[in-house]
Amino acid sequence: MFSFNSIVMMVIAGVLAVLYFIASVYNRMTRKSYTHKVQKPGQLMTFFSRVMLILSILCAGFTLLGAMMKDTEMAVVFAVITIISTLLTWGIKRKYDFTYQETDEYFIVTRRKKTYKVYYKDISHWQWGIYDIYIQDRNRPEGDFIGVSVSLFKPEILLTKMTEKVFAGEFPRIDGLYPDDTVYPGDPLRKKEIVRCLTQAGYSYLIPEYIDALSTMQQDNV
């Protein structure tokens, strides 16, 4: 039969696994749906960090109880769980300690008390990550990109502006700086790239006219 400590550990592990699964699957559903206001990571992450904090406090209490009862096994088990849950709580708060705000002229990213303000007119080039778009401000050192999450936030104005600038020919492909021509063949101005990136990230609703324009261009080239 399972001991009390084993049952408690399995229950806690199950709760953590369920919370992690929910956070992973519904991450995009927690994005804010407004602009011109400060956006923060979704409520699910806040809920998850609070649950971890409560778990840490409860486990600390059981650790103290085990020590008072001179139950070494109980005290050690809950002490380990307390340390793990405390580290997870700290890690979550540290990882998601940032905000995003955008206007028609610029966007602001605040990360760990550091603020980065970028005017759209000063963007010199861009890179697309898995869940982020990385922006190079011409006023910052070369290669010092500012990342904006497209999964935790909804940078709709930024993405629309970037698409406009790409189709205006402001970011031609440069060898060694952007993915080479084998990744997006026949795409010297990176039009295919920006459309595909936004579409895969679920932002195609922002650029229907550019999707149509690109489709027309491709048909004309056939």
N, C-alpha and C. Protein backbone atom coordinates (compact mmCIF):
# COMPACT_ATOMS: atom_id res chain seq x y z
N MET A 1 0.84 -1.20 0.00
CA MET A 1 0.00 0.00 0.00
C MET A 1 0.88 1.25 0.00
N PHE A 2 0.31 2.31 -0.54
CA PHE A 2 1.05 3.57 -0.57
C PHE A 2 1.01 4.24 0.80
N SER A 3 2.11 4.87 1.16
CA SER A 3 2.16 5.61 2.41
C SER A 3 1.50 6.96 2.23
N PHE A 4 1.25 7.63 3.35
CA PHE A 4 0.62 8.95 3.30
C PHE A 4 1.45 9.93 2.48
N ASN A 5 2.76 9.92 2.71
CA ASN A 5 3.64 10.84 1.99
C ASN A 5 3.63 10.57 0.49
N SER A 6 3.58 9.28 0.12
CA SER A 6 3.56 8.93 -1.30
C SER A 6 2.29 9.42 -1.97
N ILE A 7 1.17 9.27 -1.28
CA ILE A 7 -0.11 9.72 -1.83
C ILE A 7 -0.11 11.24 -2.01
N VAL A 8 0.40 11.95 -1.01
CA VAL A 8 0.46 13.41 -1.09
C VAL A 8 1.33 13.85 -2.26
N MET A 9 2.47 13.20 -2.42
CA MET A 9 3.37 13.56 -3.51
C MET A 9 2.73 13.31 -4.87
N MET A 10 2.00 12.19 -5.00
CA MET A 10 1.34 11.89 -6.26
C MET A 10 0.24 12.89 -6.57
N VAL A 11 -0.50 13.29 -5.53
CA VAL A 11 -1.57 14.27 -5.73
C VAL A 11 -0.98 15.61 -6.17
N ILE A 12 0.07 16.04 -5.50
CA ILE A 12 0.71 17.31 -5.84
C ILE A 12 1.29 17.26 -7.26
N ALA A 13 1.95 16.14 -7.59
CA ALA A 13 2.51 15.99 -8.93
C ALA A 13 1.42 16.03 -9.99
N GLY A 14 0.28 15.39 -9.67
CA GLY A 14 -0.84 15.41 -10.61
C GLY A 14 -1.40 16.80 -10.83
N VAL A 15 -1.52 17.56 -9.74
CA VAL A 15 -2.03 18.93 -9.83
C VAL A 15 -1.10 19.79 -10.68
N LEU A 16 0.20 19.66 -10.44
CA LEU A 16 1.18 20.43 -11.20
C LEU A 16 1.15 20.06 -12.68
N ALA A 17 1.00 18.77 -12.96
CA ALA A 17 0.95 18.32 -14.35
C ALA A 17 -0.27 18.88 -15.07
N VAL A 18 -1.41 18.87 -14.38
CA VAL A 18 -2.65 19.39 -14.97
C VAL A 18 -2.53 20.89 -15.23
N LEU A 19 -1.99 21.62 -14.26
CA LEU A 19 -1.82 23.06 -14.42
C LEU A 19 -0.87 23.39 -15.57
N TYR A 20 0.20 22.62 -15.67
CA TYR A 20 1.16 22.85 -16.76
C TYR A 20 0.51 22.57 -18.11
N PHE A 21 -0.29 21.51 -18.18
CA PHE A 21 -0.96 21.17 -19.43
C PHE A 21 -1.94 22.27 -19.84
N ILE A 22 -2.71 22.76 -18.86
CA ILE A 22 -3.66 23.83 -19.15
C ILE A 22 -2.94 25.08 -19.63
N ALA A 23 -1.83 25.41 -18.96
CA ALA A 23 -1.06 26.60 -19.34
C ALA A 23 -0.51 26.48 -20.75
N SER A 24 -0.09 25.28 -21.13
CA SER A 24 0.49 25.07 -22.45
C SER A 24 -0.57 25.13 -23.55
N VAL A 25 -1.71 24.47 -23.31
CA VAL A 25 -2.74 24.37 -24.33
C VAL A 25 -3.48 25.68 -24.53
N TYR A 26 -3.78 26.36 -23.42
CA TYR A 26 -4.61 27.56 -23.52
C TYR A 26 -3.82 28.85 -23.38
N ASN A 27 -2.52 28.76 -23.64
CA ASN A 27 -1.67 29.94 -23.51
C ASN A 27 -2.16 31.09 -24.38
N ARG A 28 -2.49 30.79 -25.63
CA ARG A 28 -2.92 31.85 -26.54
C ARG A 28 -4.28 32.42 -26.18
N MET A 29 -5.10 31.61 -25.51
CA MET A 29 -6.43 32.09 -25.15
C MET A 29 -6.38 33.13 -24.05
N THR A 30 -5.24 33.28 -23.39
CA THR A 30 -5.11 34.24 -22.30
C THR A 30 -4.60 35.59 -22.77
N ARG A 31 -4.38 35.76 -24.07
CA ARG A 31 -3.85 37.02 -24.57
C ARG A 31 -4.88 38.14 -24.41
N LYS A 32 -4.41 39.32 -24.17
CA LYS A 32 -5.28 40.47 -24.06
C LYS A 32 -5.78 40.88 -25.44
N SER A 33 -6.96 41.46 -25.49
CA SER A 33 -7.56 41.81 -26.77
C SER A 33 -7.74 43.31 -26.91
N TYR A 34 -6.81 44.09 -26.37
CA TYR A 34 -6.93 45.52 -26.49
C TYR A 34 -5.60 46.13 -26.92
N THR A 35 -5.68 47.34 -27.45
CA THR A 35 -4.49 48.07 -27.84
C THR A 35 -4.49 49.41 -27.14
N HIS A 36 -3.38 50.12 -27.22
CA HIS A 36 -3.21 51.43 -26.60
C HIS A 36 -3.23 51.35 -25.07
N LYS A 37 -3.31 50.17 -24.50
CA LYS A 37 -3.27 50.00 -23.06
C LYS A 37 -2.13 49.05 -22.72
N VAL A 38 -1.73 49.06 -21.46
CA VAL A 38 -0.65 48.18 -21.03
C VAL A 38 -1.15 46.74 -21.01
N GLN A 39 -0.47 45.87 -21.74
CA GLN A 39 -0.83 44.46 -21.77
C GLN A 39 0.13 43.68 -20.88
N LYS A 40 -0.42 42.74 -20.15
CA LYS A 40 0.37 41.88 -19.28
C LYS A 40 0.11 40.43 -19.65
N PRO A 41 1.01 39.52 -19.25
CA PRO A 41 0.77 38.10 -19.53
C PRO A 41 -0.60 37.67 -19.03
N GLY A 42 -1.18 36.65 -19.67
CA GLY A 42 -2.54 36.23 -19.38
C GLY A 42 -2.82 35.88 -17.93
N GLN A 43 -4.09 35.88 -17.59
CA GLN A 43 -4.52 35.62 -16.23
C GLN A 43 -4.18 34.21 -15.78
N LEU A 44 -4.09 33.27 -16.73
CA LEU A 44 -3.78 31.90 -16.36
C LEU A 44 -2.41 31.79 -15.71
N MET A 45 -1.44 32.57 -16.22
CA MET A 45 -0.11 32.54 -15.63
C MET A 45 -0.13 33.13 -14.22
N THR A 46 -0.93 34.17 -14.02
CA THR A 46 -1.06 34.75 -12.69
C THR A 46 -1.69 33.74 -11.74
N PHE A 47 -2.73 33.04 -12.22
CA PHE A 47 -3.39 32.02 -11.41
C PHE A 47 -2.41 30.90 -11.06
N PHE A 48 -1.63 30.47 -12.05
CA PHE A 48 -0.68 29.39 -11.85
C PHE A 48 0.36 29.77 -10.80
N SER A 49 0.88 30.99 -10.87
CA SER A 49 1.89 31.42 -9.90
C SER A 49 1.31 31.51 -8.50
N ARG A 50 0.04 31.92 -8.40
CA ARG A 50 -0.61 32.00 -7.09
C ARG A 50 -0.83 30.61 -6.50
N VAL A 51 -1.21 29.67 -7.36
CA VAL A 51 -1.39 28.29 -6.90
C VAL A 51 -0.06 27.74 -6.37
N MET A 52 1.02 28.02 -7.10
CA MET A 52 2.33 27.55 -6.67
C MET A 52 2.74 28.19 -5.35
N LEU A 53 2.38 29.46 -5.16
CA LEU A 53 2.71 30.14 -3.91
C LEU A 53 1.95 29.51 -2.75
N ILE A 54 0.66 29.24 -2.96
CA ILE A 54 -0.15 28.60 -1.92
C ILE A 54 0.40 27.21 -1.60
N LEU A 55 0.79 26.49 -2.66
CA LEU A 55 1.36 25.16 -2.47
C LEU A 55 2.64 25.23 -1.64
N SER A 56 3.46 26.24 -1.91
CA SER A 56 4.71 26.40 -1.15
C SER A 56 4.42 26.63 0.33
N ILE A 57 3.42 27.47 0.60
CA ILE A 57 3.08 27.77 2.00
C ILE A 57 2.55 26.53 2.71
N LEU A 58 1.67 25.78 2.02
CA LEU A 58 1.10 24.57 2.61
C LEU A 58 2.20 23.54 2.90
N CYS A 59 3.08 23.36 1.93
CA CYS A 59 4.15 22.37 2.11
C CYS A 59 5.11 22.79 3.22
N ALA A 60 5.34 24.10 3.33
CA ALA A 60 6.19 24.59 4.42
C ALA A 60 5.54 24.27 5.77
N GLY A 61 4.21 24.41 5.81
CA GLY A 61 3.49 24.08 7.04
C GLY A 61 3.60 22.61 7.39
N PHE A 62 3.46 21.74 6.37
CA PHE A 62 3.60 20.30 6.61
C PHE A 62 5.03 19.93 6.99
N THR A 63 5.99 20.67 6.45
CA THR A 63 7.39 20.44 6.83
C THR A 63 7.59 20.72 8.31
N LEU A 64 7.04 21.84 8.75
CA LEU A 64 7.13 22.21 10.17
C LEU A 64 6.40 21.20 11.04
N LEU A 65 5.23 20.76 10.56
CA LEU A 65 4.46 19.77 11.31
C LEU A 65 5.23 18.45 11.44
N GLY A 66 5.85 18.04 10.34
CA GLY A 66 6.64 16.81 10.38
C GLY A 66 7.80 16.91 11.34
N ALA A 67 8.43 18.09 11.38
CA ALA A 67 9.54 18.28 12.31
C ALA A 67 9.06 18.23 13.75
N MET A 68 7.89 18.83 14.01
CA MET A 68 7.35 18.83 15.37
C MET A 68 6.95 17.42 15.81
N MET A 69 6.47 16.61 14.84
CA MET A 69 6.06 15.24 15.14
C MET A 69 7.25 14.28 15.10
N LYS A 70 8.43 14.82 14.78
CA LYS A 70 9.65 14.02 14.66
C LYS A 70 9.51 12.94 13.59
N ASP A 71 8.72 13.27 12.56
CA ASP A 71 8.57 12.37 11.41
C ASP A 71 9.54 12.85 10.34
N THR A 72 10.73 12.28 10.34
CA THR A 72 11.80 12.74 9.45
C THR A 72 11.41 12.61 7.98
N GLU A 73 10.79 11.49 7.62
CA GLU A 73 10.41 11.27 6.22
C GLU A 73 9.43 12.33 5.74
N MET A 74 8.43 12.61 6.55
CA MET A 74 7.44 13.62 6.20
C MET A 74 8.08 15.00 6.06
N ALA A 75 8.95 15.33 7.00
CA ALA A 75 9.59 16.65 6.99
C ALA A 75 10.47 16.81 5.75
N VAL A 76 11.23 15.76 5.42
CA VAL A 76 12.14 15.83 4.26
C VAL A 76 11.35 15.94 2.96
N VAL A 77 10.30 15.11 2.83
CA VAL A 77 9.50 15.11 1.60
C VAL A 77 8.89 16.48 1.35
N PHE A 78 8.25 17.03 2.36
CA PHE A 78 7.60 18.33 2.17
C PHE A 78 8.60 19.47 2.06
N ALA A 79 9.77 19.31 2.66
CA ALA A 79 10.80 20.33 2.51
C ALA A 79 11.27 20.40 1.06
N VAL A 80 11.45 19.23 0.45
CA VAL A 80 11.86 19.17 -0.95
C VAL A 80 10.79 19.79 -1.85
N ILE A 81 9.52 19.43 -1.59
CA ILE A 81 8.43 19.99 -2.39
C ILE A 81 8.34 21.50 -2.21
N THR A 82 8.57 21.96 -0.98
CA THR A 82 8.54 23.41 -0.71
C THR A 82 9.61 24.13 -1.52
N ILE A 83 10.81 23.56 -1.55
CA ILE A 83 11.90 24.19 -2.30
C ILE A 83 11.58 24.22 -3.79
N ILE A 84 11.08 23.10 -4.32
CA ILE A 84 10.77 23.03 -5.75
C ILE A 84 9.67 24.01 -6.13
N SER A 85 8.58 24.03 -5.35
CA SER A 85 7.46 24.92 -5.67
C SER A 85 7.85 26.39 -5.51
N THR A 86 8.73 26.67 -4.53
CA THR A 86 9.19 28.05 -4.35
C THR A 86 10.03 28.51 -5.54
N LEU A 87 10.91 27.61 -6.01
CA LEU A 87 11.73 27.93 -7.18
C LEU A 87 10.87 28.13 -8.42
N LEU A 88 9.83 27.30 -8.58
CA LEU A 88 8.93 27.43 -9.72
C LEU A 88 8.18 28.76 -9.66
N THR A 89 7.72 29.13 -8.46
CA THR A 89 7.02 30.40 -8.29
C THR A 89 7.92 31.57 -8.66
N TRP A 90 9.15 31.53 -8.17
CA TRP A 90 10.11 32.59 -8.48
C TRP A 90 10.41 32.63 -9.97
N GLY A 91 10.57 31.45 -10.57
CA GLY A 91 10.87 31.38 -12.00
C GLY A 91 9.75 31.94 -12.86
N ILE A 92 8.50 31.62 -12.50
CA ILE A 92 7.35 32.11 -13.26
C ILE A 92 7.27 33.63 -13.18
N LYS A 93 7.42 34.16 -11.97
CA LYS A 93 7.34 35.61 -11.80
C LYS A 93 8.46 36.32 -12.56
N ARG A 94 9.64 35.71 -12.55
CA ARG A 94 10.77 36.33 -13.24
C ARG A 94 10.59 36.26 -14.76
N LYS A 95 10.13 35.12 -15.25
CA LYS A 95 9.98 34.94 -16.69
C LYS A 95 8.90 35.84 -17.27
N TYR A 96 7.81 36.04 -16.52
CA TYR A 96 6.69 36.81 -17.05
C TYR A 96 6.61 38.21 -16.44
N ASP A 97 7.76 38.71 -15.99
CA ASP A 97 7.81 40.06 -15.43
C ASP A 97 8.05 41.07 -16.55
N PHE A 98 7.05 41.25 -17.41
CA PHE A 98 7.17 42.23 -18.48
C PHE A 98 5.79 42.64 -18.96
N THR A 99 5.74 43.78 -19.61
CA THR A 99 4.48 44.31 -20.14
C THR A 99 4.72 44.82 -21.55
N TYR A 100 3.63 45.07 -22.24
CA TYR A 100 3.72 45.59 -23.62
C TYR A 100 2.62 46.62 -23.82
N GLN A 101 2.97 47.69 -24.52
CA GLN A 101 2.00 48.74 -24.84
C GLN A 101 2.33 49.29 -26.22
N GLU A 102 1.31 49.56 -27.01
CA GLU A 102 1.56 50.10 -28.35
C GLU A 102 0.58 51.23 -28.67
N THR A 103 1.06 52.16 -29.47
CA THR A 103 0.24 53.24 -29.99
C THR A 103 0.42 53.26 -31.50
N ASP A 104 -0.12 54.26 -32.15
CA ASP A 104 0.02 54.36 -33.60
C ASP A 104 1.41 54.82 -34.03
N GLU A 105 2.22 55.29 -33.08
CA GLU A 105 3.54 55.82 -33.40
C GLU A 105 4.69 54.96 -32.87
N TYR A 106 4.47 54.24 -31.78
CA TYR A 106 5.56 53.50 -31.16
C TYR A 106 5.00 52.37 -30.29
N PHE A 107 5.91 51.51 -29.82
CA PHE A 107 5.53 50.51 -28.83
C PHE A 107 6.53 50.55 -27.68
N ILE A 108 6.09 50.09 -26.52
CA ILE A 108 6.93 50.09 -25.32
C ILE A 108 6.93 48.70 -24.72
N VAL A 109 8.12 48.17 -24.46
CA VAL A 109 8.27 46.89 -23.78
C VAL A 109 8.97 47.16 -22.45
N THR A 110 8.38 46.70 -21.37
CA THR A 110 9.00 46.82 -20.05
C THR A 110 9.34 45.42 -19.57
N ARG A 111 10.61 45.18 -19.33
CA ARG A 111 11.06 43.86 -18.90
C ARG A 111 11.98 44.00 -17.70
N ARG A 112 11.53 43.47 -16.55
CA ARG A 112 12.31 43.51 -15.31
C ARG A 112 12.78 44.93 -15.00
N LYS A 113 11.82 45.84 -15.02
CA LYS A 113 12.01 47.24 -14.66
C LYS A 113 12.83 48.03 -15.68
N LYS A 114 13.15 47.42 -16.82
CA LYS A 114 13.82 48.14 -17.91
C LYS A 114 12.79 48.42 -19.00
N THR A 115 12.77 49.65 -19.48
CA THR A 115 11.79 50.05 -20.47
C THR A 115 12.45 50.33 -21.82
N TYR A 116 11.87 49.77 -22.87
CA TYR A 116 12.37 49.96 -24.23
C TYR A 116 11.25 50.57 -25.07
N LYS A 117 11.50 51.75 -25.60
CA LYS A 117 10.52 52.44 -26.43
C LYS A 117 11.05 52.52 -27.85
N VAL A 118 10.27 52.03 -28.79
CA VAL A 118 10.71 51.99 -30.18
C VAL A 118 9.66 52.64 -31.08
N TYR A 119 10.09 53.62 -31.85
CA TYR A 119 9.20 54.23 -32.85
C TYR A 119 9.24 53.37 -34.11
N TYR A 120 8.08 53.16 -34.70
CA TYR A 120 8.01 52.32 -35.89
C TYR A 120 8.92 52.84 -37.01
N LYS A 121 9.05 54.15 -37.10
CA LYS A 121 9.87 54.74 -38.16
C LYS A 121 11.36 54.45 -37.97
N ASP A 122 11.75 54.03 -36.75
CA ASP A 122 13.16 53.76 -36.46
C ASP A 122 13.51 52.29 -36.57
N ILE A 123 12.57 51.45 -36.97
CA ILE A 123 12.85 50.02 -37.11
C ILE A 123 13.67 49.79 -38.37
N SER A 124 14.85 49.20 -38.21
CA SER A 124 15.74 49.00 -39.35
C SER A 124 15.65 47.60 -39.94
N HIS A 125 15.39 46.58 -39.13
CA HIS A 125 15.13 45.25 -39.64
C HIS A 125 14.49 44.39 -38.55
N TRP A 126 14.11 43.18 -38.92
CA TRP A 126 13.36 42.32 -38.00
C TRP A 126 13.70 40.85 -38.24
N GLN A 127 13.44 40.06 -37.21
CA GLN A 127 13.58 38.61 -37.29
C GLN A 127 12.36 37.99 -36.62
N TRP A 128 11.97 36.82 -37.10
CA TRP A 128 10.83 36.13 -36.50
C TRP A 128 11.32 34.92 -35.73
N GLY A 129 10.87 34.80 -34.47
CA GLY A 129 11.21 33.64 -33.66
C GLY A 129 10.05 32.67 -33.63
N ILE A 130 10.04 31.78 -32.66
CA ILE A 130 8.96 30.80 -32.54
C ILE A 130 7.68 31.47 -32.05
N TYR A 131 7.79 32.25 -30.98
CA TYR A 131 6.63 32.93 -30.43
C TYR A 131 6.86 34.44 -30.31
N ASP A 132 7.90 34.95 -30.95
CA ASP A 132 8.25 36.35 -30.80
C ASP A 132 8.64 36.95 -32.15
N ILE A 133 8.51 38.27 -32.23
CA ILE A 133 9.10 39.01 -33.34
C ILE A 133 10.19 39.89 -32.73
N TYR A 134 11.37 39.85 -33.33
CA TYR A 134 12.52 40.59 -32.80
C TYR A 134 12.77 41.82 -33.68
N ILE A 135 12.81 42.97 -33.03
CA ILE A 135 12.91 44.24 -33.72
C ILE A 135 14.27 44.90 -33.46
N GLN A 136 14.88 45.41 -34.54
CA GLN A 136 16.12 46.17 -34.42
C GLN A 136 15.81 47.66 -34.55
N ASP A 137 16.10 48.40 -33.50
CA ASP A 137 15.94 49.85 -33.51
C ASP A 137 17.25 50.45 -34.04
N ARG A 138 17.15 51.30 -35.05
CA ARG A 138 18.36 51.88 -35.65
C ARG A 138 19.15 52.73 -34.64
N ASN A 139 18.52 53.10 -33.53
CA ASN A 139 19.20 53.91 -32.52
C ASN A 139 19.92 53.05 -31.47
N ARG A 140 19.79 51.73 -31.59
CA ARG A 140 20.45 50.81 -30.66
C ARG A 140 21.58 50.09 -31.39
N PRO A 141 22.53 49.51 -30.64
CA PRO A 141 23.65 48.81 -31.28
C PRO A 141 23.17 47.70 -32.22
N GLU A 142 23.87 47.49 -33.30
CA GLU A 142 23.52 46.46 -34.27
C GLU A 142 23.49 45.09 -33.60
N GLY A 143 22.43 44.36 -33.83
CA GLY A 143 22.28 43.03 -33.24
C GLY A 143 21.60 43.03 -31.88
N ASP A 144 21.33 44.22 -31.35
CA ASP A 144 20.65 44.33 -30.05
C ASP A 144 19.15 44.39 -30.29
N PHE A 145 18.55 43.23 -30.51
CA PHE A 145 17.14 43.15 -30.85
C PHE A 145 16.25 43.27 -29.61
N ILE A 146 15.05 43.76 -29.82
CA ILE A 146 14.04 43.83 -28.77
C ILE A 146 12.93 42.85 -29.14
N GLY A 147 12.70 41.87 -28.29
CA GLY A 147 11.70 40.85 -28.59
C GLY A 147 10.32 41.23 -28.07
N VAL A 148 9.31 40.92 -28.87
CA VAL A 148 7.91 41.13 -28.48
C VAL A 148 7.18 39.80 -28.68
N SER A 149 6.60 39.28 -27.63
CA SER A 149 5.88 38.01 -27.72
C SER A 149 4.57 38.19 -28.49
N VAL A 150 4.35 37.33 -29.48
CA VAL A 150 3.10 37.38 -30.23
C VAL A 150 2.11 36.35 -29.71
N SER A 151 2.51 35.59 -28.68
CA SER A 151 1.61 34.61 -28.09
C SER A 151 1.04 35.11 -26.76
N LEU A 152 1.85 35.80 -25.97
CA LEU A 152 1.36 36.33 -24.70
C LEU A 152 0.64 37.66 -24.88
N PHE A 153 1.04 38.42 -25.90
CA PHE A 153 0.43 39.71 -26.17
C PHE A 153 -0.22 39.71 -27.55
N LYS A 154 -0.90 40.79 -27.85
CA LYS A 154 -1.48 40.97 -29.18
C LYS A 154 -0.94 42.27 -29.76
N PRO A 155 0.25 42.24 -30.31
CA PRO A 155 0.86 43.45 -30.89
C PRO A 155 0.31 43.75 -32.28
N GLU A 156 -0.97 43.99 -32.36
CA GLU A 156 -1.64 44.11 -33.65
C GLU A 156 -1.16 45.31 -34.46
N ILE A 157 -0.97 46.44 -33.79
CA ILE A 157 -0.50 47.63 -34.52
C ILE A 157 0.92 47.40 -35.04
N LEU A 158 1.78 46.86 -34.19
CA LEU A 158 3.16 46.58 -34.59
C LEU A 158 3.20 45.65 -35.80
N LEU A 159 2.46 44.56 -35.75
CA LEU A 159 2.48 43.59 -36.85
C LEU A 159 1.91 44.18 -38.13
N THR A 160 0.89 45.00 -38.00
CA THR A 160 0.32 45.64 -39.18
C THR A 160 1.32 46.62 -39.79
N LYS A 161 1.96 47.41 -38.93
CA LYS A 161 2.97 48.37 -39.41
C LYS A 161 4.13 47.64 -40.09
N MET A 162 4.56 46.53 -39.50
CA MET A 162 5.68 45.79 -40.07
C MET A 162 5.32 45.24 -41.45
N THR A 163 4.10 44.76 -41.60
CA THR A 163 3.67 44.25 -42.90
C THR A 163 3.65 45.37 -43.93
N GLU A 164 3.16 46.53 -43.53
CA GLU A 164 3.13 47.68 -44.44
C GLU A 164 4.55 48.04 -44.88
N LYS A 165 5.48 48.04 -43.94
CA LYS A 165 6.86 48.41 -44.24
C LYS A 165 7.54 47.36 -45.14
N VAL A 166 7.22 46.09 -44.89
CA VAL A 166 7.79 45.02 -45.72
C VAL A 166 7.31 45.17 -47.16
N PHE A 167 6.01 45.37 -47.34
CA PHE A 167 5.47 45.49 -48.70
C PHE A 167 5.89 46.80 -49.36
N ALA A 168 6.35 47.76 -48.55
CA ALA A 168 6.88 49.00 -49.11
C ALA A 168 8.35 48.86 -49.50
N GLY A 169 8.92 47.68 -49.25
CA GLY A 169 10.30 47.41 -49.65
C GLY A 169 11.34 47.93 -48.69
N GLU A 170 10.99 48.13 -47.41
CA GLU A 170 11.95 48.71 -46.46
C GLU A 170 12.91 47.68 -45.87
N PHE A 171 12.63 46.38 -46.04
CA PHE A 171 13.49 45.36 -45.44
C PHE A 171 13.92 44.33 -46.47
N PRO A 172 14.67 44.74 -47.50
CA PRO A 172 15.12 43.76 -48.50
C PRO A 172 16.05 42.73 -47.87
N ARG A 173 16.04 41.54 -48.43
CA ARG A 173 16.86 40.46 -47.89
C ARG A 173 18.34 40.78 -48.03
N ILE A 174 19.09 40.58 -46.95
CA ILE A 174 20.53 40.84 -46.94
C ILE A 174 21.25 39.56 -46.55
N ASP A 175 22.20 39.14 -47.34
CA ASP A 175 22.95 37.91 -47.06
C ASP A 175 23.62 38.00 -45.69
N GLY A 176 23.44 36.94 -44.91
CA GLY A 176 24.06 36.88 -43.60
C GLY A 176 23.25 37.52 -42.49
N LEU A 177 22.22 38.30 -42.87
CA LEU A 177 21.41 38.98 -41.86
C LEU A 177 20.05 38.32 -41.70
N TYR A 178 19.46 37.90 -42.82
CA TYR A 178 18.16 37.24 -42.81
C TYR A 178 18.30 35.83 -43.34
N PRO A 179 17.27 34.98 -43.14
CA PRO A 179 17.32 33.64 -43.75
C PRO A 179 17.59 33.75 -45.24
N ASP A 180 18.44 32.86 -45.77
CA ASP A 180 18.83 33.00 -47.17
C ASP A 180 17.68 32.63 -48.11
N ASP A 181 17.95 32.74 -49.39
CA ASP A 181 16.92 32.58 -50.41
C ASP A 181 16.37 31.16 -50.48
N THR A 182 17.10 30.19 -49.91
CA THR A 182 16.61 28.82 -49.96
C THR A 182 15.43 28.61 -49.02
N VAL A 183 15.31 29.45 -48.00
CA VAL A 183 14.20 29.34 -47.06
C VAL A 183 12.92 29.91 -47.66
N TYR A 184 13.03 31.09 -48.25
CA TYR A 184 11.90 31.72 -48.93
C TYR A 184 12.34 32.09 -50.35
N PRO A 185 12.37 31.13 -51.25
CA PRO A 185 12.85 31.40 -52.62
C PRO A 185 11.99 32.43 -53.33
N GLY A 186 12.66 33.27 -54.11
CA GLY A 186 11.95 34.30 -54.87
C GLY A 186 11.26 35.32 -53.99
N ASP A 187 11.88 35.63 -52.85
CA ASP A 187 11.26 36.56 -51.91
C ASP A 187 12.27 37.61 -51.46
N PRO A 188 12.80 38.41 -52.38
CA PRO A 188 13.87 39.37 -52.03
C PRO A 188 13.42 40.46 -51.06
N LEU A 189 12.12 40.77 -51.04
CA LEU A 189 11.63 41.82 -50.14
C LEU A 189 10.99 41.26 -48.87
N ARG A 190 11.01 39.93 -48.74
CA ARG A 190 10.51 39.23 -47.55
C ARG A 190 8.99 39.32 -47.39
N LYS A 191 8.29 39.48 -48.49
CA LYS A 191 6.83 39.55 -48.43
C LYS A 191 6.23 38.20 -48.07
N LYS A 192 6.72 37.14 -48.71
CA LYS A 192 6.23 35.80 -48.38
C LYS A 192 6.49 35.48 -46.91
N GLU A 193 7.66 35.88 -46.46
CA GLU A 193 8.07 35.56 -45.09
C GLU A 193 7.14 36.19 -44.07
N ILE A 194 6.86 37.49 -44.21
CA ILE A 194 6.03 38.17 -43.22
C ILE A 194 4.60 37.64 -43.24
N VAL A 195 4.09 37.35 -44.44
CA VAL A 195 2.72 36.83 -44.55
C VAL A 195 2.63 35.44 -43.93
N ARG A 196 3.60 34.60 -44.22
CA ARG A 196 3.57 33.24 -43.66
C ARG A 196 3.72 33.27 -42.14
N CYS A 197 4.60 34.11 -41.63
CA CYS A 197 4.81 34.19 -40.19
C CYS A 197 3.54 34.64 -39.46
N LEU A 198 2.90 35.68 -39.98
CA LEU A 198 1.69 36.17 -39.34
C LEU A 198 0.55 35.17 -39.45
N THR A 199 0.48 34.49 -40.58
CA THR A 199 -0.58 33.50 -40.77
C THR A 199 -0.41 32.33 -39.81
N GLN A 200 0.81 31.84 -39.68
CA GLN A 200 1.06 30.71 -38.78
C GLN A 200 0.85 31.10 -37.32
N ALA A 201 1.05 32.37 -36.99
CA ALA A 201 0.87 32.84 -35.62
C ALA A 201 -0.58 33.21 -35.32
N GLY A 202 -1.46 33.10 -36.32
CA GLY A 202 -2.87 33.39 -36.10
C GLY A 202 -3.26 34.84 -36.27
N TYR A 203 -2.46 35.60 -37.04
CA TYR A 203 -2.75 37.02 -37.24
C TYR A 203 -3.12 37.34 -38.68
N SER A 204 -3.57 36.36 -39.43
CA SER A 204 -3.92 36.61 -40.83
C SER A 204 -5.07 37.61 -40.97
N TYR A 205 -5.89 37.72 -39.93
CA TYR A 205 -7.03 38.65 -39.98
C TYR A 205 -6.59 40.11 -40.06
N LEU A 206 -5.31 40.37 -39.72
CA LEU A 206 -4.81 41.74 -39.76
C LEU A 206 -4.43 42.18 -41.17
N ILE A 207 -4.12 41.21 -42.03
CA ILE A 207 -3.51 41.57 -43.32
C ILE A 207 -4.21 40.90 -44.51
N PRO A 208 -5.52 40.88 -44.58
CA PRO A 208 -6.18 40.18 -45.70
C PRO A 208 -5.82 40.76 -47.07
N GLU A 209 -5.66 42.09 -47.15
CA GLU A 209 -5.34 42.70 -48.43
C GLU A 209 -3.93 42.34 -48.90
N TYR A 210 -3.01 42.15 -47.95
CA TYR A 210 -1.64 41.78 -48.32
C TYR A 210 -1.56 40.31 -48.72
N ILE A 211 -2.38 39.48 -48.08
CA ILE A 211 -2.45 38.07 -48.47
C ILE A 211 -2.98 37.96 -49.90
N ASP A 212 -4.02 38.74 -50.20
CA ASP A 212 -4.59 38.73 -51.56
C ASP A 212 -3.58 39.26 -52.57
N ALA A 213 -2.87 40.33 -52.19
CA ALA A 213 -1.89 40.92 -53.11
C ALA A 213 -0.76 39.93 -53.40
N LEU A 214 -0.31 39.22 -52.37
CA LEU A 214 0.76 38.24 -52.56
C LEU A 214 0.29 37.08 -53.42
N SER A 215 -0.95 36.65 -53.20
CA SER A 215 -1.50 35.56 -54.00
C SER A 215 -1.60 35.96 -55.47
N THR A 216 -2.01 37.20 -55.71
CA THR A 216 -2.12 37.70 -57.08
C THR A 216 -0.75 37.76 -57.75
N MET A 217 0.25 38.22 -56.99
CA MET A 217 1.62 38.30 -57.52
C MET A 217 2.14 36.92 -57.90
N GLN A 218 1.87 35.93 -57.05
CA GLN A 218 2.35 34.58 -57.32
C GLN A 218 1.66 33.98 -58.54
N GLN A 219 0.37 34.27 -58.71
CA GLN A 219 -0.35 33.77 -59.88
C GLN A 219 0.17 34.42 -61.16
N ASP A 220 0.51 35.69 -61.08
CA ASP A 220 1.03 36.39 -62.26
C ASP A 220 2.39 35.86 -62.68
N ASN A 221 3.13 35.32 -61.69
CA ASN A 221 4.48 34.82 -61.99
C ASN A 221 4.48 33.39 -62.51
N VAL A 222 3.30 32.75 -62.44
CA VAL A 222 3.21 31.36 -62.91
C VAL A 222 3.25 31.32 -64.44
